[in-house]
Amino acid sequence: MPDILTDDEIDRIFHALADATRRDIVARTLGGDRSISGLAQSYLMSFAAVQKHVSVLERAGLVTKERRGREQLVRAVPETIRRANELLARYESLWRDRASAIEGILAEDMTKGHDR
């Protein structure tokens, strides 16, 4: 898996994480494999609705599904979460650099204003 996310991957990841239920599913599956039926018991929605949420997460690479007997087990993919976190850290760094540059310009302007 390359470290650089494509625009399509970024869109799928953040679309998937935009929903509170899907974020909760990811959090629950970070602790270990969970069956879809077990997950469905945690929410006030149908089994089919939970399956749809899991499918969105799977397309985003945030979880994987594995069939074991009659159950489908869902497992989080920490690597995808790490890559999304690294992307956010790069954005944070960019904005912090920009804010520092603006602070420097303002400080310079204030110094010039006092010299007059």
PDB file of N, CA and C in Angstrom:
ATOM      1  N   MET A   1       0.848  -1.184   0.000  1.00  0.00           N
ATOM      2  CA  MET A   1       0.000   0.000   0.000  1.00  0.00           C
ATOM      3  C   MET A   1       0.894   1.248   0.000  1.00  0.00           C
ATOM      4  N   PRO A   2       0.781   2.109  -0.996  1.00  0.00           N
ATOM      5  CA  PRO A   2       1.619   3.308  -1.006  1.00  0.00           C
ATOM      6  C   PRO A   2       1.197   4.271   0.099  1.00  0.00           C
ATOM      7  N   ASP A   3       2.163   5.101   0.550  1.00  0.00           N
ATOM      8  CA  ASP A   3       1.853   6.039   1.631  1.00  0.00           C
ATOM      9  C   ASP A   3       0.998   7.211   1.174  1.00  0.00           C
ATOM     10  N   ILE A   4       1.070   7.549  -0.110  1.00  0.00           N
ATOM     11  CA  ILE A   4       0.292   8.680  -0.610  1.00  0.00           C
ATOM     12  C   ILE A   4      -1.099   8.191  -0.991  1.00  0.00           C
ATOM     13  N   LEU A   5      -2.105   8.822  -0.422  1.00  0.00           N
ATOM     14  CA  LEU A   5      -3.482   8.490  -0.759  1.00  0.00           C
ATOM     15  C   LEU A   5      -3.894   9.214  -2.031  1.00  0.00           C
ATOM     16  N   THR A   6      -4.640   8.537  -2.884  1.00  0.00           N
ATOM     17  CA  THR A   6      -5.180   9.205  -4.070  1.00  0.00           C
ATOM     18  C   THR A   6      -6.374  10.046  -3.652  1.00  0.00           C
ATOM     19  N   ASP A   7      -6.772  10.963  -4.521  1.00  0.00           N
ATOM     20  CA  ASP A   7      -7.951  11.781  -4.226  1.00  0.00           C
ATOM     21  C   ASP A   7      -9.187  10.910  -4.012  1.00  0.00           C
ATOM     22  N   ASP A   8      -9.338   9.862  -4.819  1.00  0.00           N
ATOM     23  CA  ASP A   8     -10.490   8.966  -4.659  1.00  0.00           C
ATOM     24  C   ASP A   8     -10.462   8.253  -3.308  1.00  0.00           C
ATOM     25  N   GLU A   9      -9.278   7.806  -2.877  1.00  0.00           N
ATOM     26  CA  GLU A   9      -9.162   7.151  -1.573  1.00  0.00           C
ATOM     27  C   GLU A   9      -9.518   8.123  -0.453  1.00  0.00           C
ATOM     28  N   ILE A  10      -9.009   9.334  -0.552  1.00  0.00           N
ATOM     29  CA  ILE A  10      -9.297  10.355   0.465  1.00  0.00           C
ATOM     30  C   ILE A  10     -10.799  10.615   0.531  1.00  0.00           C
ATOM     31  N   ASP A  11     -11.418  10.758  -0.633  1.00  0.00           N
ATOM     32  CA  ASP A  11     -12.862  11.000  -0.665  1.00  0.00           C
ATOM     33  C   ASP A  11     -13.634   9.849  -0.012  1.00  0.00           C
ATOM     34  N   ARG A  12     -13.263   8.611  -0.323  1.00  0.00           N
ATOM     35  CA  ARG A  12     -13.969   7.454   0.248  1.00  0.00           C
ATOM     36  C   ARG A  12     -13.759   7.375   1.760  1.00  0.00           C
ATOM     37  N   ILE A  13     -12.538   7.614   2.216  1.00  0.00           N
ATOM     38  CA  ILE A  13     -12.249   7.535   3.655  1.00  0.00           C
ATOM     39  C   ILE A  13     -13.045   8.581   4.425  1.00  0.00           C
ATOM     40  N   PHE A  14     -12.981   9.826   3.978  1.00  0.00           N
ATOM     41  CA  PHE A  14     -13.642  10.875   4.758  1.00  0.00           C
ATOM     42  C   PHE A  14     -15.158  10.857   4.588  1.00  0.00           C
ATOM     43  N   HIS A  15     -15.641  10.360   3.457  1.00  0.00           N
ATOM     44  CA  HIS A  15     -17.086  10.139   3.315  1.00  0.00           C
ATOM     45  C   HIS A  15     -17.527   9.083   4.325  1.00  0.00           C
ATOM     46  N   ALA A  16     -16.763   7.997   4.411  1.00  0.00           N
ATOM     47  CA  ALA A  16     -17.111   6.922   5.346  1.00  0.00           C
ATOM     48  C   ALA A  16     -17.079   7.419   6.787  1.00  0.00           C
ATOM     49  N   LEU A  17     -16.078   8.210   7.124  1.00  0.00           N
ATOM     50  CA  LEU A  17     -15.935   8.693   8.498  1.00  0.00           C
ATOM     51  C   LEU A  17     -16.854   9.857   8.837  1.00  0.00           C
ATOM     52  N   ALA A  18     -17.565  10.375   7.843  1.00  0.00           N
ATOM     53  CA  ALA A  18     -18.483  11.497   8.083  1.00  0.00           C
ATOM     54  C   ALA A  18     -19.731  11.059   8.841  1.00  0.00           C
ATOM     55  N   ASP A  19     -19.957   9.755   8.930  1.00  0.00           N
ATOM     56  CA  ASP A  19     -21.153   9.237   9.586  1.00  0.00           C
ATOM     57  C   ASP A  19     -20.800   8.683  10.971  1.00  0.00           C
ATOM     58  N   ALA A  20     -21.568   9.072  11.974  1.00  0.00           N
ATOM     59  CA  ALA A  20     -21.285   8.672  13.358  1.00  0.00           C
ATOM     60  C   ALA A  20     -21.368   7.156  13.556  1.00  0.00           C
ATOM     61  N   THR A  21     -22.334   6.519  12.927  1.00  0.00           N
ATOM     62  CA  THR A  21     -22.449   5.061  13.065  1.00  0.00           C
ATOM     63  C   THR A  21     -21.224   4.370  12.494  1.00  0.00           C
ATOM     64  N   ARG A  22     -20.757   4.824  11.340  1.00  0.00           N
ATOM     65  CA  ARG A  22     -19.580   4.196  10.736  1.00  0.00           C
ATOM     66  C   ARG A  22     -18.333   4.437  11.587  1.00  0.00           C
ATOM     67  N   ARG A  23     -18.205   5.642  12.162  1.00  0.00           N
ATOM     68  CA  ARG A  23     -17.063   5.882  13.059  1.00  0.00           C
ATOM     69  C   ARG A  23     -17.122   4.942  14.254  1.00  0.00           C
ATOM     70  N   ASP A  24     -18.327   4.702  14.765  1.00  0.00           N
ATOM     71  CA  ASP A  24     -18.492   3.812  15.903  1.00  0.00           C
ATOM     72  C   ASP A  24     -18.145   2.369  15.518  1.00  0.00           C
ATOM     73  N   ILE A  25     -18.533   1.948  14.336  1.00  0.00           N
ATOM     74  CA  ILE A  25     -18.198   0.597  13.867  1.00  0.00           C
ATOM     75  C   ILE A  25     -16.682   0.443  13.785  1.00  0.00           C
ATOM     76  N   VAL A  26     -16.006   1.442  13.247  1.00  0.00           N
ATOM     77  CA  VAL A  26     -14.543   1.382  13.174  1.00  0.00           C
ATOM     78  C   VAL A  26     -13.966   1.268  14.585  1.00  0.00           C
ATOM     79  N   ALA A  27     -14.447   2.085  15.502  1.00  0.00           N
ATOM     80  CA  ALA A  27     -13.934   2.049  16.880  1.00  0.00           C
ATOM     81  C   ALA A  27     -14.166   0.683  17.516  1.00  0.00           C
ATOM     82  N   ARG A  28     -15.342   0.123  17.326  1.00  0.00           N
ATOM     83  CA  ARG A  28     -15.652  -1.190  17.914  1.00  0.00           C
ATOM     84  C   ARG A  28     -14.769  -2.286  17.324  1.00  0.00           C
ATOM     85  N   THR A  29     -14.475  -2.193  16.037  1.00  0.00           N
ATOM     86  CA  THR A  29     -13.697  -3.255  15.394  1.00  0.00           C
ATOM     87  C   THR A  29     -12.198  -3.076  15.587  1.00  0.00           C
ATOM     88  N   LEU A  30     -11.768  -1.927  16.068  1.00  0.00           N
ATOM     89  CA  LEU A  30     -10.351  -1.767  16.413  1.00  0.00           C
ATOM     90  C   LEU A  30      -9.980  -2.653  17.592  1.00  0.00           C
ATOM     91  N   GLY A  31     -10.967  -2.964  18.423  1.00  0.00           N
ATOM     92  CA  GLY A  31     -10.733  -3.812  19.586  1.00  0.00           C
ATOM     93  C   GLY A  31     -10.724  -5.298  19.259  1.00  0.00           C
ATOM     94  N   GLY A  32     -11.011  -5.654  18.024  1.00  0.00           N
ATOM     95  CA  GLY A  32     -11.030  -7.066  17.628  1.00  0.00           C
ATOM     96  C   GLY A  32     -12.156  -7.326  16.653  1.00  0.00           C
ATOM     97  N   ASP A  33     -12.157  -8.512  16.093  1.00  0.00           N
ATOM     98  CA  ASP A  33     -13.180  -8.890  15.125  1.00  0.00           C
ATOM     99  C   ASP A  33     -14.568  -8.838  15.758  1.00  0.00           C
ATOM    100  N   ARG A  34     -15.513  -8.323  14.991  1.00  0.00           N
ATOM    101  CA  ARG A  34     -16.914  -8.274  15.426  1.00  0.00           C
ATOM    102  C   ARG A  34     -17.774  -8.809  14.296  1.00  0.00           C
ATOM    103  N   SER A  35     -18.764  -9.600  14.624  1.00  0.00           N
ATOM    104  CA  SER A  35     -19.678 -10.086  13.597  1.00  0.00           C
ATOM    105  C   SER A  35     -20.644  -8.966  13.226  1.00  0.00           C
ATOM    106  N   ILE A  36     -21.109  -9.005  11.993  1.00  0.00           N
ATOM    107  CA  ILE A  36     -22.080  -7.989  11.579  1.00  0.00           C
ATOM    108  C   ILE A  36     -23.348  -8.120  12.415  1.00  0.00           C
ATOM    109  N   SER A  37     -23.761  -9.341  12.705  1.00  0.00           N
ATOM    110  CA  SER A  37     -24.964  -9.512  13.530  1.00  0.00           C
ATOM    111  C   SER A  37     -24.744  -8.953  14.937  1.00  0.00           C
ATOM    112  N   GLY A  38     -23.544  -9.135  15.484  1.00  0.00           N
ATOM    113  CA  GLY A  38     -23.234  -8.559  16.792  1.00  0.00           C
ATOM    114  C   GLY A  38     -23.223  -7.047  16.756  1.00  0.00           C
ATOM    115  N   LEU A  39     -22.670  -6.488  15.683  1.00  0.00           N
ATOM    116  CA  LEU A  39     -22.682  -5.032  15.533  1.00  0.00           C
ATOM    117  C   LEU A  39     -24.115  -4.520  15.420  1.00  0.00           C
ATOM    118  N   ALA A  40     -24.933  -5.236  14.650  1.00  0.00           N
ATOM    119  CA  ALA A  40     -26.308  -4.785  14.410  1.00  0.00           C
ATOM    120  C   ALA A  40     -27.096  -4.675  15.708  1.00  0.00           C
ATOM    121  N   GLN A  41     -26.775  -5.495  16.700  1.00  0.00           N
ATOM    122  CA  GLN A  41     -27.475  -5.441  17.989  1.00  0.00           C
ATOM    123  C   GLN A  41     -27.189  -4.148  18.742  1.00  0.00           C
ATOM    124  N   SER A  42     -26.126  -3.443  18.348  1.00  0.00           N
ATOM    125  CA  SER A  42     -25.726  -2.217  19.041  1.00  0.00           C
ATOM    126  C   SER A  42     -26.456  -0.976  18.538  1.00  0.00           C
ATOM    127  N   TYR A  43     -27.206  -1.110  17.457  1.00  0.00           N
ATOM    128  CA  TYR A  43     -27.799   0.066  16.817  1.00  0.00           C
ATOM    129  C   TYR A  43     -29.298  -0.108  16.636  1.00  0.00           C
ATOM    130  N   LEU A  44     -29.989   1.005  16.617  1.00  0.00           N
ATOM    131  CA  LEU A  44     -31.429   1.004  16.373  1.00  0.00           C
ATOM    132  C   LEU A  44     -31.682   1.088  14.864  1.00  0.00           C
ATOM    133  N   MET A  45     -31.209   0.080  14.161  1.00  0.00           N
ATOM    134  CA  MET A  45     -31.407   0.016  12.709  1.00  0.00           C
ATOM    135  C   MET A  45     -31.390  -1.451  12.318  1.00  0.00           C
ATOM    136  N   SER A  46     -31.787  -1.705  11.114  1.00  0.00           N
ATOM    137  CA  SER A  46     -31.860  -3.087  10.642  1.00  0.00           C
ATOM    138  C   SER A  46     -30.473  -3.670  10.401  1.00  0.00           C
ATOM    139  N   PHE A  47     -30.430  -4.990  10.353  1.00  0.00           N
ATOM    140  CA  PHE A  47     -29.217  -5.713  10.011  1.00  0.00           C
ATOM    141  C   PHE A  47     -28.718  -5.247   8.643  1.00  0.00           C
ATOM    142  N   ALA A  48     -29.649  -5.097   7.687  1.00  0.00           N
ATOM    143  CA  ALA A  48     -29.287  -4.661   6.325  1.00  0.00           C
ATOM    144  C   ALA A  48     -28.649  -3.274   6.330  1.00  0.00           C
ATOM    145  N   ALA A  49     -29.149  -2.379   7.178  1.00  0.00           N
ATOM    146  CA  ALA A  49     -28.578  -1.029   7.255  1.00  0.00           C
ATOM    147  C   ALA A  49     -27.146  -1.086   7.791  1.00  0.00           C
ATOM    148  N   VAL A  50     -26.910  -1.938   8.785  1.00  0.00           N
ATOM    149  CA  VAL A  50     -25.556  -2.088   9.327  1.00  0.00           C
ATOM    150  C   VAL A  50     -24.644  -2.680   8.249  1.00  0.00           C
ATOM    151  N   GLN A  51     -25.149  -3.652   7.498  1.00  0.00           N
ATOM    152  CA  GLN A  51     -24.371  -4.223   6.394  1.00  0.00           C
ATOM    153  C   GLN A  51     -23.967  -3.140   5.388  1.00  0.00           C
ATOM    154  N   LYS A  52     -24.875  -2.224   5.102  1.00  0.00           N
ATOM    155  CA  LYS A  52     -24.565  -1.129   4.163  1.00  0.00           C
ATOM    156  C   LYS A  52     -23.472  -0.236   4.728  1.00  0.00           C
ATOM    157  N   HIS A  53     -23.548   0.065   6.009  1.00  0.00           N
ATOM    158  CA  HIS A  53     -22.501   0.878   6.639  1.00  0.00           C
ATOM    159  C   HIS A  53     -21.148   0.170   6.554  1.00  0.00           C
ATOM    160  N   VAL A  54     -21.143  -1.116   6.825  1.00  0.00           N
ATOM    161  CA  VAL A  54     -19.905  -1.900   6.759  1.00  0.00           C
ATOM    162  C   VAL A  54     -19.368  -1.896   5.325  1.00  0.00           C
ATOM    163  N   SER A  55     -20.245  -1.986   4.346  1.00  0.00           N
ATOM    164  CA  SER A  55     -19.814  -1.960   2.938  1.00  0.00           C
ATOM    165  C   SER A  55     -19.140  -0.645   2.582  1.00  0.00           C
ATOM    166  N   VAL A  56     -19.682   0.460   3.078  1.00  0.00           N
ATOM    167  CA  VAL A  56     -19.072   1.777   2.831  1.00  0.00           C
ATOM    168  C   VAL A  56     -17.676   1.808   3.451  1.00  0.00           C
ATOM    169  N   LEU A  57     -17.561   1.302   4.675  1.00  0.00           N
ATOM    170  CA  LEU A  57     -16.261   1.263   5.352  1.00  0.00           C
ATOM    171  C   LEU A  57     -15.279   0.350   4.623  1.00  0.00           C
ATOM    172  N   GLU A  58     -15.781  -0.757   4.105  1.00  0.00           N
ATOM    173  CA  GLU A  58     -14.924  -1.693   3.378  1.00  0.00           C
ATOM    174  C   GLU A  58     -14.414  -1.067   2.079  1.00  0.00           C
ATOM    175  N   ARG A  59     -15.291  -0.377   1.345  1.00  0.00           N
ATOM    176  CA  ARG A  59     -14.863   0.301   0.101  1.00  0.00           C
ATOM    177  C   ARG A  59     -13.811   1.366   0.387  1.00  0.00           C
ATOM    178  N   ALA A  60     -13.876   1.968   1.573  1.00  0.00           N
ATOM    179  CA  ALA A  60     -12.895   2.989   1.952  1.00  0.00           C
ATOM    180  C   ALA A  60     -11.601   2.372   2.482  1.00  0.00           C
ATOM    181  N   GLY A  61     -11.584   1.060   2.658  1.00  0.00           N
ATOM    182  CA  GLY A  61     -10.391   0.392   3.178  1.00  0.00           C
ATOM    183  C   GLY A  61     -10.229   0.523   4.681  1.00  0.00           C
ATOM    184  N   LEU A  62     -11.290   0.932   5.368  1.00  0.00           N
ATOM    185  CA  LEU A  62     -11.221   1.115   6.817  1.00  0.00           C
ATOM    186  C   LEU A  62     -11.498  -0.169   7.594  1.00  0.00           C
ATOM    187  N   VAL A  63     -12.203  -1.116   6.956  1.00  0.00           N
ATOM    188  CA  VAL A  63     -12.450  -2.422   7.560  1.00  0.00           C
ATOM    189  C   VAL A  63     -12.347  -3.489   6.475  1.00  0.00           C
ATOM    190  N   THR A  64     -12.173  -4.719   6.924  1.00  0.00           N
ATOM    191  CA  THR A  64     -12.255  -5.875   6.027  1.00  0.00           C
ATOM    192  C   THR A  64     -13.313  -6.808   6.585  1.00  0.00           C
ATOM    193  N   LYS A  65     -13.884  -7.616   5.704  1.00  0.00           N
ATOM    194  CA  LYS A  65     -14.860  -8.632   6.117  1.00  0.00           C
ATOM    195  C   LYS A  65     -14.288 -10.005   5.790  1.00  0.00           C
ATOM    196  N   GLU A  66     -14.578 -10.951   6.668  1.00  0.00           N
ATOM    197  CA  GLU A  66     -14.150 -12.331   6.449  1.00  0.00           C
ATOM    198  C   GLU A  66     -15.293 -13.243   6.873  1.00  0.00           C
ATOM    199  N   ARG A  67     -15.638 -14.163   6.010  1.00  0.00           N
ATOM    200  CA  ARG A  67     -16.690 -15.112   6.365  1.00  0.00           C
ATOM    201  C   ARG A  67     -16.081 -16.263   7.148  1.00  0.00           C
ATOM    202  N   ARG A  68     -16.680 -16.538   8.315  1.00  0.00           N
ATOM    203  CA  ARG A  68     -16.305 -17.702   9.121  1.00  0.00           C
ATOM    204  C   ARG A  68     -17.593 -18.447   9.434  1.00  0.00           C
ATOM    205  N   GLY A  69     -17.757 -19.542   8.742  1.00  0.00           N
ATOM    206  CA  GLY A  69     -18.999 -20.290   8.914  1.00  0.00           C
ATOM    207  C   GLY A  69     -20.167 -19.458   8.433  1.00  0.00           C
ATOM    208  N   ARG A  70     -21.133 -19.286   9.297  1.00  0.00           N
ATOM    209  CA  ARG A  70     -22.326 -18.509   8.938  1.00  0.00           C
ATOM    210  C   ARG A  70     -22.165 -17.017   9.218  1.00  0.00           C
ATOM    211  N   GLU A  71     -21.112 -16.659   9.894  1.00  0.00           N
ATOM    212  CA  GLU A  71     -20.930 -15.254  10.280  1.00  0.00           C
ATOM    213  C   GLU A  71     -19.956 -14.521   9.364  1.00  0.00           C
ATOM    214  N   GLN A  72     -20.211 -13.224   9.223  1.00  0.00           N
ATOM    215  CA  GLN A  72     -19.248 -12.344   8.558  1.00  0.00           C
ATOM    216  C   GLN A  72     -18.600 -11.506   9.648  1.00  0.00           C
ATOM    217  N   LEU A  73     -17.280 -11.651   9.767  1.00  0.00           N
ATOM    218  CA  LEU A  73     -16.554 -10.903  10.785  1.00  0.00           C
ATOM    219  C   LEU A  73     -15.939  -9.655  10.172  1.00  0.00           C
ATOM    220  N   VAL A  74     -16.013  -8.580  10.912  1.00  0.00           N
ATOM    221  CA  VAL A  74     -15.508  -7.287  10.464  1.00  0.00           C
ATOM    222  C   VAL A  74     -14.295  -6.945  11.321  1.00  0.00           C
ATOM    223  N   ARG A  75     -13.251  -6.471  10.661  1.00  0.00           N
ATOM    224  CA  ARG A  75     -12.006  -6.111  11.349  1.00  0.00           C
ATOM    225  C   ARG A  75     -11.558  -4.743  10.828  1.00  0.00           C
ATOM    226  N   ALA A  76     -11.156  -3.875  11.724  1.00  0.00           N
ATOM    227  CA  ALA A  76     -10.633  -2.555  11.336  1.00  0.00           C
ATOM    228  C   ALA A  76      -9.280  -2.721  10.655  1.00  0.00           C
ATOM    229  N   VAL A  77      -8.942  -1.755   9.802  1.00  0.00           N
ATOM    230  CA  VAL A  77      -7.641  -1.727   9.133  1.00  0.00           C
ATOM    231  C   VAL A  77      -6.896  -0.496   9.653  1.00  0.00           C
ATOM    232  N   PRO A  78      -6.115  -0.665  10.729  1.00  0.00           N
ATOM    233  CA  PRO A  78      -5.423   0.476  11.331  1.00  0.00           C
ATOM    234  C   PRO A  78      -4.512   1.217  10.345  1.00  0.00           C
ATOM    235  N   GLU A  79      -3.957   0.521   9.366  1.00  0.00           N
ATOM    236  CA  GLU A  79      -3.062   1.150   8.386  1.00  0.00           C
ATOM    237  C   GLU A  79      -3.768   2.280   7.625  1.00  0.00           C
ATOM    238  N   THR A  80      -5.021   2.064   7.254  1.00  0.00           N
ATOM    239  CA  THR A  80      -5.768   3.107   6.543  1.00  0.00           C
ATOM    240  C   THR A  80      -6.012   4.299   7.459  1.00  0.00           C
ATOM    241  N   ILE A  81      -6.318   4.027   8.701  1.00  0.00           N
ATOM    242  CA  ILE A  81      -6.536   5.104   9.671  1.00  0.00           C
ATOM    243  C   ILE A  81      -5.238   5.889   9.872  1.00  0.00           C
ATOM    244  N   ARG A  82      -4.115   5.173   9.943  1.00  0.00           N
ATOM    245  CA  ARG A  82      -2.811   5.834  10.085  1.00  0.00           C
ATOM    246  C   ARG A  82      -2.539   6.742   8.892  1.00  0.00           C
ATOM    247  N   ARG A  83      -2.813   6.260   7.702  1.00  0.00           N
ATOM    248  CA  ARG A  83      -2.553   7.050   6.494  1.00  0.00           C
ATOM    249  C   ARG A  83      -3.440   8.301   6.444  1.00  0.00           C
ATOM    250  N   ALA A  84      -4.695   8.161   6.863  1.00  0.00           N
ATOM    251  CA  ALA A  84      -5.585   9.322   6.914  1.00  0.00           C
ATOM    252  C   ALA A  84      -5.099  10.317   7.963  1.00  0.00           C
ATOM    253  N   ASN A  85      -4.622   9.817   9.091  1.00  0.00           N
ATOM    254  CA  ASN A  85      -4.076  10.676  10.140  1.00  0.00           C
ATOM    255  C   ASN A  85      -2.847  11.436   9.647  1.00  0.00           C
ATOM    256  N   GLU A  86      -1.987  10.757   8.889  1.00  0.00           N
ATOM    257  CA  GLU A  86      -0.799  11.421   8.335  1.00  0.00           C
ATOM    258  C   GLU A  86      -1.199  12.540   7.371  1.00  0.00           C
ATOM    259  N   LEU A  87      -2.237  12.300   6.581  1.00  0.00           N
ATOM    260  CA  LEU A  87      -2.730  13.340   5.679  1.00  0.00           C
ATOM    261  C   LEU A  87      -3.194  14.554   6.482  1.00  0.00           C
ATOM    262  N   LEU A  88      -3.967  14.318   7.533  1.00  0.00           N
ATOM    263  CA  LEU A  88      -4.446  15.424   8.367  1.00  0.00           C
ATOM    264  C   LEU A  88      -3.278  16.144   9.043  1.00  0.00           C
ATOM    265  N   ALA A  89      -2.258  15.407   9.446  1.00  0.00           N
ATOM    266  CA  ALA A  89      -1.082  16.026  10.067  1.00  0.00           C
ATOM    267  C   ALA A  89      -0.361  16.930   9.067  1.00  0.00           C
ATOM    268  N   ARG A  90      -0.300  16.506   7.796  1.00  0.00           N
ATOM    269  CA  ARG A  90       0.328  17.365   6.770  1.00  0.00           C
ATOM    270  C   ARG A  90      -0.476  18.643   6.577  1.00  0.00           C
ATOM    271  N   TYR A  91      -1.813  18.525   6.564  1.00  0.00           N
ATOM    272  CA  TYR A  91      -2.644  19.729   6.451  1.00  0.00           C
ATOM    273  C   TYR A  91      -2.448  20.636   7.660  1.00  0.00           C
ATOM    274  N   GLU A  92      -2.382  20.043   8.858  1.00  0.00           N
ATOM    275  CA  GLU A  92      -2.184  20.832  10.066  1.00  0.00           C
ATOM    276  C   GLU A  92      -0.857  21.585   9.993  1.00  0.00           C
ATOM    277  N   SER A  93       0.190  20.910   9.562  1.00  0.00           N
ATOM    278  CA  SER A  93       1.503  21.537   9.443  1.00  0.00           C
ATOM    279  C   SER A  93       1.466  22.693   8.446  1.00  0.00           C
ATOM    280  N   LEU A  94       0.810  22.469   7.322  1.00  0.00           N
ATOM    281  CA  LEU A  94       0.683  23.517   6.308  1.00  0.00           C
ATOM    282  C   LEU A  94       0.001  24.755   6.895  1.00  0.00           C
ATOM    283  N   TRP A  95      -1.118  24.548   7.599  1.00  0.00           N
ATOM    284  CA  TRP A  95      -1.845  25.687   8.159  1.00  0.00           C
ATOM    285  C   TRP A  95      -1.082  26.345   9.307  1.00  0.00           C
ATOM    286  N   ARG A  96      -0.364  25.578  10.099  1.00  0.00           N
ATOM    287  CA  ARG A  96       0.449  26.181  11.166  1.00  0.00           C
ATOM    288  C   ARG A  96       1.558  27.049  10.559  1.00  0.00           C
ATOM    289  N   ASP A  97       2.186  26.562   9.481  1.00  0.00           N
ATOM    290  CA  ASP A  97       3.216  27.349   8.790  1.00  0.00           C
ATOM    291  C   ASP A  97       2.628  28.640   8.248  1.00  0.00           C
ATOM    292  N   ARG A  98       1.446  28.547   7.672  1.00  0.00           N
ATOM    293  CA  ARG A  98       0.795  29.746   7.132  1.00  0.00           C
ATOM    294  C   ARG A  98       0.429  30.729   8.242  1.00  0.00           C
ATOM    295  N   ALA A  99      -0.075  30.209   9.354  1.00  0.00           N
ATOM    296  CA  ALA A  99      -0.427  31.078  10.482  1.00  0.00           C
ATOM    297  C   ALA A  99       0.822  31.758  11.037  1.00  0.00           C
ATOM    298  N   SER A 100       1.942  31.031  11.108  1.00  0.00           N
ATOM    299  CA  SER A 100       3.198  31.623  11.588  1.00  0.00           C
ATOM    300  C   SER A 100       3.676  32.718  10.642  1.00  0.00           C
ATOM    301  N   ALA A 101       3.537  32.483   9.347  1.00  0.00           N
ATOM    302  CA  ALA A 101       3.947  33.494   8.371  1.00  0.00           C
ATOM    303  C   ALA A 101       3.097  34.752   8.524  1.00  0.00           C
ATOM    304  N   ILE A 102       1.806  34.580   8.735  1.00  0.00           N
ATOM    305  CA  ILE A 102       0.913  35.735   8.920  1.00  0.00           C
ATOM    306  C   ILE A 102       1.289  36.481  10.199  1.00  0.00           C
ATOM    307  N   GLU A 103       1.575  35.735  11.271  1.00  0.00           N
ATOM    308  CA  GLU A 103       1.995  36.367  12.526  1.00  0.00           C
ATOM    309  C   GLU A 103       3.260  37.188  12.313  1.00  0.00           C
ATOM    310  N   GLY A 104       4.197  36.648  11.533  1.00  0.00           N
ATOM    311  CA  GLY A 104       5.439  37.370  11.245  1.00  0.00           C
ATOM    312  C   GLY A 104       5.178  38.653  10.481  1.00  0.00           C
ATOM    313  N   ILE A 105       4.297  38.602   9.507  1.00  0.00           N
ATOM    314  CA  ILE A 105       3.952  39.797   8.723  1.00  0.00           C
ATOM    315  C   ILE A 105       3.284  40.834   9.618  1.00  0.00           C
ATOM    316  N   LEU A 106       2.365  40.396  10.461  1.00  0.00           N
ATOM    317  CA  LEU A 106       1.679  41.328  11.360  1.00  0.00           C
ATOM    318  C   LEU A 106       2.648  41.949  12.366  1.00  0.00           C
ATOM    319  N   ALA A 107       3.557  41.138  12.894  1.00  0.00           N
ATOM    320  CA  ALA A 107       4.538  41.659  13.846  1.00  0.00           C
ATOM    321  C   ALA A 107       5.428  42.690  13.170  1.00  0.00           C
ATOM    322  N   GLU A 108       5.818  42.422  11.934  1.00  0.00           N
ATOM    323  CA  GLU A 108       6.646  43.357  11.176  1.00  0.00           C
ATOM    324  C   GLU A 108       5.895  44.658  10.932  1.00  0.00           C
ATOM    325  N   ASP A 109       4.621  44.549  10.580  1.00  0.00           N
ATOM    326  CA  ASP A 109       3.802  45.740  10.362  1.00  0.00           C
ATOM    327  C   ASP A 109       3.651  46.552  11.647  1.00  0.00           C
ATOM    328  N   MET A 110       3.510  45.862  12.788  1.00  0.00           N
ATOM    329  CA  MET A 110       3.371  46.556  14.069  1.00  0.00           C
ATOM    330  C   MET A 110       4.667  47.294  14.401  1.00  0.00           C
ATOM    331  N   THR A 111       5.817  46.667  14.134  1.00  0.00           N
ATOM    332  CA  THR A 111       7.120  47.277  14.384  1.00  0.00           C
ATOM    333  C   THR A 111       7.274  48.519  13.517  1.00  0.00           C
ATOM    334  N   LYS A 112       6.935  48.421  12.252  1.00  0.00           N
ATOM    335  CA  LYS A 112       7.039  49.548  11.332  1.00  0.00           C
ATOM    336  C   LYS A 112       6.119  50.678  11.753  1.00  0.00           C
ATOM    337  N   GLY A 113       4.938  50.316  12.255  1.00  0.00           N
ATOM    338  CA  GLY A 113       3.980  51.317  12.690  1.00  0.00           C
ATOM    339  C   GLY A 113       4.476  52.101  13.889  1.00  0.00           C
ATOM    340  N   HIS A 114       5.229  51.474  14.795  1.00  0.00           N
ATOM    341  CA  HIS A 114       5.762  52.129  15.975  1.00  0.00           C
ATOM    342  C   HIS A 114       6.964  53.008  15.642  1.00  0.00           C
ATOM    343  N   ASP A 115       7.626  52.711  14.527  1.00  0.00           N
ATOM    344  CA  ASP A 115       8.811  53.481  14.124  1.00  0.00           C
ATOM    345  C   ASP A 115       8.434  54.822  13.517  1.00  0.00           C
ATOM    346  N   ARG A 116       7.223  55.007  13.164  1.00  0.00           N
ATOM    347  CA  ARG A 116       6.816  56.253  12.483  1.00  0.00           C
ATOM    348  C   ARG A 116       6.736  57.409  13.404  1.00  0.00           C
TER     349      ARG A 116
END
